[in-house]
Amino acid sequence: MACFLVPTAEAVIVTVAAQIIKSNEKKAPTLNDSVAGAVADAVDETKVTLSRKLMWLARMLWGGALLLAFEHVWHGEVVPWFPFLTAAGDPADAAVMLHEMSTIGVSMAILVTAVWICMVLAANAITKRTPKHASAAA
């Protein structure tokens, strides 16, 4: 009924956090005036920033939430007039809706976040391995 609201709320929070972190990453000083700075820049080219990783999570959450919202509209559970959620009109249905949000919605949000964690671990393993292969080839 309204399980898509939980991943949507997480997507909003993650998107805002990613934007804040991205602006802080741009403000960070760089070491471009020395050889060490050039080496650090070469390593940073292969590194995936935290803001980019968070945007992966945000996009996964937004995509899933939009698909779920479409599915709920398709089945008539979300309507274009107030109270928008058909279950919100009746107190008994509202209790069922809140139960669905706390079980199904939270489970979906946790699953998407777990998949994202696996993606981040894989990306970290790949980026740690890349400079070793580059130096071995040289």
C-alpha atoms as a PDB file:
ATOM      1  CA  MET A   1       0.000   0.000   0.000  1.00  0.00           C
ATOM      2  CA  ALA A   2       2.684   2.491   0.940  1.00  0.00           C
ATOM      3  CA  CYS A   3       5.849   0.429   1.227  1.00  0.00           C
ATOM      4  CA  PHE A   4       7.517   2.648  -1.391  1.00  0.00           C
ATOM      5  CA  LEU A   5       7.568   5.560   1.080  1.00  0.00           C
ATOM      6  CA  VAL A   6      10.349   3.978   3.171  1.00  0.00           C
ATOM      7  CA  PRO A   7      12.897   3.670   0.310  1.00  0.00           C
ATOM      8  CA  THR A   8      11.791   7.126  -0.860  1.00  0.00           C
ATOM      9  CA  ALA A   9      12.579   8.627   2.546  1.00  0.00           C
ATOM     10  CA  GLU A  10      15.969   6.896   2.560  1.00  0.00           C
ATOM     11  CA  ALA A  11      16.622   8.127  -0.991  1.00  0.00           C
ATOM     12  CA  VAL A  12      15.916  11.729   0.039  1.00  0.00           C
ATOM     13  CA  ILE A  13      18.286  11.484   3.004  1.00  0.00           C
ATOM     14  CA  VAL A  14      21.050   9.803   0.987  1.00  0.00           C
ATOM     15  CA  THR A  15      20.722  12.312  -1.872  1.00  0.00           C
ATOM     16  CA  VAL A  16      21.055  15.272   0.505  1.00  0.00           C
ATOM     17  CA  ALA A  17      24.025  13.638   2.264  1.00  0.00           C
ATOM     18  CA  ALA A  18      25.729  12.934  -1.065  1.00  0.00           C
ATOM     19  CA  GLN A  19      25.313  16.545  -2.177  1.00  0.00           C
ATOM     20  CA  ILE A  20      26.764  17.844   1.101  1.00  0.00           C
ATOM     21  CA  ILE A  21      29.708  15.449   0.910  1.00  0.00           C
ATOM     22  CA  LYS A  22      30.277  16.343  -2.748  1.00  0.00           C
ATOM     23  CA  SER A  23      30.491  20.040  -1.921  1.00  0.00           C
ATOM     24  CA  ASN A  24      32.953  19.251   0.901  1.00  0.00           C
ATOM     25  CA  GLU A  25      35.073  17.122  -1.438  1.00  0.00           C
ATOM     26  CA  LYS A  26      35.377  20.034  -3.858  1.00  0.00           C
ATOM     27  CA  LYS A  27      36.605  22.291  -1.047  1.00  0.00           C
ATOM     28  CA  ALA A  28      39.348  19.844  -0.001  1.00  0.00           C
ATOM     29  CA  PRO A  29      42.879  21.122  -0.747  1.00  0.00           C
ATOM     30  CA  THR A  30      44.999  19.331  -3.318  1.00  0.00           C
ATOM     31  CA  LEU A  31      48.768  18.805  -3.457  1.00  0.00           C
ATOM     32  CA  ASN A  32      49.402  19.823  -7.071  1.00  0.00           C
ATOM     33  CA  ASP A  33      52.642  21.706  -6.322  1.00  0.00           C
ATOM     34  CA  SER A  34      54.926  18.699  -5.807  1.00  0.00           C
ATOM     35  CA  VAL A  35      55.784  15.303  -7.237  1.00  0.00           C
ATOM     36  CA  ALA A  36      53.908  13.706  -4.347  1.00  0.00           C
ATOM     37  CA  GLY A  37      50.876  15.701  -5.434  1.00  0.00           C
ATOM     38  CA  ALA A  38      51.149  14.326  -8.967  1.00  0.00           C
ATOM     39  CA  VAL A  39      51.348  10.781  -7.629  1.00  0.00           C
ATOM     40  CA  ALA A  40      48.383  11.429  -5.320  1.00  0.00           C
ATOM     41  CA  ASP A  41      46.379  12.793  -8.266  1.00  0.00           C
ATOM     42  CA  ALA A  42      47.187   9.682 -10.323  1.00  0.00           C
ATOM     43  CA  VAL A  43      45.972   7.453  -7.482  1.00  0.00           C
ATOM     44  CA  ASP A  44      42.862   9.623  -6.991  1.00  0.00           C
ATOM     45  CA  GLU A  45      41.872   9.110 -10.638  1.00  0.00           C
ATOM     46  CA  THR A  46      41.233   5.445  -9.908  1.00  0.00           C
ATOM     47  CA  LYS A  47      39.567   6.081  -6.536  1.00  0.00           C
ATOM     48  CA  VAL A  48      35.791   6.337  -6.391  1.00  0.00           C
ATOM     49  CA  THR A  49      34.687   9.154  -4.098  1.00  0.00           C
ATOM     50  CA  LEU A  50      32.242   8.705  -1.247  1.00  0.00           C
ATOM     51  CA  SER A  51      29.762  11.116  -2.820  1.00  0.00           C
ATOM     52  CA  ARG A  52      29.755   9.068  -6.023  1.00  0.00           C
ATOM     53  CA  LYS A  53      29.187   5.859  -4.065  1.00  0.00           C
ATOM     54  CA  LEU A  54      26.325   7.482  -2.176  1.00  0.00           C
ATOM     55  CA  MET A  55      24.782   8.585  -5.461  1.00  0.00           C
ATOM     56  CA  TRP A  56      24.836   4.934  -6.563  1.00  0.00           C
ATOM     57  CA  LEU A  57      22.721   4.128  -3.517  1.00  0.00           C
ATOM     58  CA  ALA A  58      20.450   7.111  -4.096  1.00  0.00           C
ATOM     59  CA  ARG A  59      19.822   6.127  -7.717  1.00  0.00           C
ATOM     60  CA  MET A  60      19.074   2.538  -6.745  1.00  0.00           C
ATOM     61  CA  LEU A  61      16.628   3.714  -4.078  1.00  0.00           C
ATOM     62  CA  TRP A  62      14.951   6.312  -6.336  1.00  0.00           C
ATOM     63  CA  GLY A  63      14.555   3.773  -9.143  1.00  0.00           C
ATOM     64  CA  GLY A  64      13.065   1.149  -6.863  1.00  0.00           C
ATOM     65  CA  ALA A  65      10.763   3.642  -5.173  1.00  0.00           C
ATOM     66  CA  LEU A  66       9.501   4.954  -8.522  1.00  0.00           C
ATOM     67  CA  LEU A  67       8.806   1.448  -9.784  1.00  0.00           C
ATOM     68  CA  LEU A  68       6.965   0.585  -6.566  1.00  0.00           C
ATOM     69  CA  ALA A  69       4.964   3.811  -6.700  1.00  0.00           C
ATOM     70  CA  PHE A  70       3.984   3.057 -10.298  1.00  0.00           C
ATOM     71  CA  GLU A  71       2.898  -0.438  -9.256  1.00  0.00           C
ATOM     72  CA  HIS A  72       0.764   0.979  -6.448  1.00  0.00           C
ATOM     73  CA  VAL A  73      -0.818   3.517  -8.820  1.00  0.00           C
ATOM     74  CA  TRP A  74      -1.474   0.702 -11.295  1.00  0.00           C
ATOM     75  CA  HIS A  75      -3.358  -1.268  -8.651  1.00  0.00           C
ATOM     76  CA  GLY A  76      -5.349   1.749  -7.486  1.00  0.00           C
ATOM     77  CA  GLU A  77      -3.721   2.006  -4.049  1.00  0.00           C
ATOM     78  CA  VAL A  78      -2.403   5.504  -4.800  1.00  0.00           C
ATOM     79  CA  VAL A  79      -4.843   8.014  -6.265  1.00  0.00           C
ATOM     80  CA  PRO A  80      -4.471  11.627  -7.455  1.00  0.00           C
ATOM     81  CA  TRP A  81      -6.857  13.034  -4.805  1.00  0.00           C
ATOM     82  CA  PHE A  82      -6.576  13.467  -1.062  1.00  0.00           C
ATOM     83  CA  PRO A  83      -5.590  11.455   0.995  1.00  0.00           C
ATOM     84  CA  PHE A  84      -3.650   9.992  -2.003  1.00  0.00           C
ATOM     85  CA  LEU A  85      -3.242   6.611  -0.292  1.00  0.00           C
ATOM     86  CA  THR A  86      -6.519   4.718  -0.334  1.00  0.00           C
ATOM     87  CA  ALA A  87      -5.616   3.002   2.939  1.00  0.00           C
ATOM     88  CA  ALA A  88      -5.238   6.339   4.742  1.00  0.00           C
ATOM     89  CA  GLY A  89      -8.983   6.986   4.586  1.00  0.00           C
ATOM     90  CA  ASP A  90      -9.957   4.168   6.955  1.00  0.00           C
ATOM     91  CA  PRO A  91      -8.276   3.703  10.387  1.00  0.00           C
ATOM     92  CA  ALA A  92      -8.291  -0.099  10.077  1.00  0.00           C
ATOM     93  CA  ASP A  93      -6.643   0.092   6.662  1.00  0.00           C
ATOM     94  CA  ALA A  94      -4.169   2.662   7.991  1.00  0.00           C
ATOM     95  CA  ALA A  95      -2.958   0.165  10.601  1.00  0.00           C
ATOM     96  CA  VAL A  96      -2.391  -2.415   7.857  1.00  0.00           C
ATOM     97  CA  MET A  97      -0.600   0.213   5.771  1.00  0.00           C
ATOM     98  CA  LEU A  98       1.730   1.151   8.636  1.00  0.00           C
ATOM     99  CA  HIS A  99       2.460  -2.525   9.280  1.00  0.00           C
ATOM    100  CA  GLU A 100       3.313  -3.001   5.605  1.00  0.00           C
ATOM    101  CA  MET A 101       5.599   0.028   5.675  1.00  0.00           C
ATOM    102  CA  SER A 102       7.395  -1.222   8.793  1.00  0.00           C
ATOM    103  CA  THR A 103       7.902  -4.730   7.463  1.00  0.00           C
ATOM    104  CA  ILE A 104       7.981  -4.745   3.664  1.00  0.00           C
ATOM    105  CA  GLY A 105       9.233  -1.175   3.170  1.00  0.00           C
ATOM    106  CA  VAL A 106      12.033  -1.456   5.708  1.00  0.00           C
ATOM    107  CA  SER A 107      13.033  -4.884   4.361  1.00  0.00           C
ATOM    108  CA  MET A 108      13.256  -3.517   0.817  1.00  0.00           C
ATOM    109  CA  ALA A 109      15.317  -0.532   1.934  1.00  0.00           C
ATOM    110  CA  ILE A 110      17.686  -2.805   3.870  1.00  0.00           C
ATOM    111  CA  LEU A 111      18.024  -5.169   0.897  1.00  0.00           C
ATOM    112  CA  VAL A 112      18.861  -2.332  -1.512  1.00  0.00           C
ATOM    113  CA  THR A 113      21.389  -0.945   0.971  1.00  0.00           C
ATOM    114  CA  ALA A 114      22.962  -4.406   1.399  1.00  0.00           C
ATOM    115  CA  VAL A 115      23.326  -4.767  -2.376  1.00  0.00           C
ATOM    116  CA  TRP A 116      24.909  -1.300  -2.469  1.00  0.00           C
ATOM    117  CA  ILE A 117      27.380  -2.312   0.270  1.00  0.00           C
ATOM    118  CA  CYS A 118      28.407  -5.310  -1.859  1.00  0.00           C
ATOM    119  CA  MET A 119      28.865  -2.974  -4.840  1.00  0.00           C
ATOM    120  CA  VAL A 120      31.048  -0.622  -2.788  1.00  0.00           C
ATOM    121  CA  LEU A 121      33.185  -3.515  -1.494  1.00  0.00           C
ATOM    122  CA  ALA A 122      33.642  -4.779  -5.053  1.00  0.00           C
ATOM    123  CA  ALA A 123      34.527  -1.286  -6.308  1.00  0.00           C
ATOM    124  CA  ASN A 124      37.048  -0.852  -3.489  1.00  0.00           C
ATOM    125  CA  ALA A 125      38.655  -4.215  -4.283  1.00  0.00           C
ATOM    126  CA  ILE A 126      38.889  -3.329  -7.973  1.00  0.00           C
ATOM    127  CA  THR A 127      40.376   0.131  -7.364  1.00  0.00           C
ATOM    128  CA  LYS A 128      42.933  -1.245  -4.889  1.00  0.00           C
ATOM    129  CA  ARG A 129      44.016  -3.822  -7.438  1.00  0.00           C
ATOM    130  CA  THR A 130      44.245  -1.406 -10.404  1.00  0.00           C
ATOM    131  CA  PRO A 131      47.403   0.569  -9.401  1.00  0.00           C
ATOM    132  CA  LYS A 132      49.317  -2.672  -8.764  1.00  0.00           C
ATOM    133  CA  HIS A 133      48.601  -3.858 -12.304  1.00  0.00           C
ATOM    134  CA  ALA A 134      49.465  -0.453 -13.720  1.00  0.00           C
ATOM    135  CA  SER A 135      52.852  -0.385 -11.939  1.00  0.00           C
ATOM    136  CA  ALA A 136      53.604  -3.997 -12.941  1.00  0.00           C
ATOM    137  CA  ALA A 137      52.965  -3.173 -16.584  1.00  0.00           C
ATOM    138  CA  ALA A 138      55.336  -0.204 -16.471  1.00  0.00           C
END
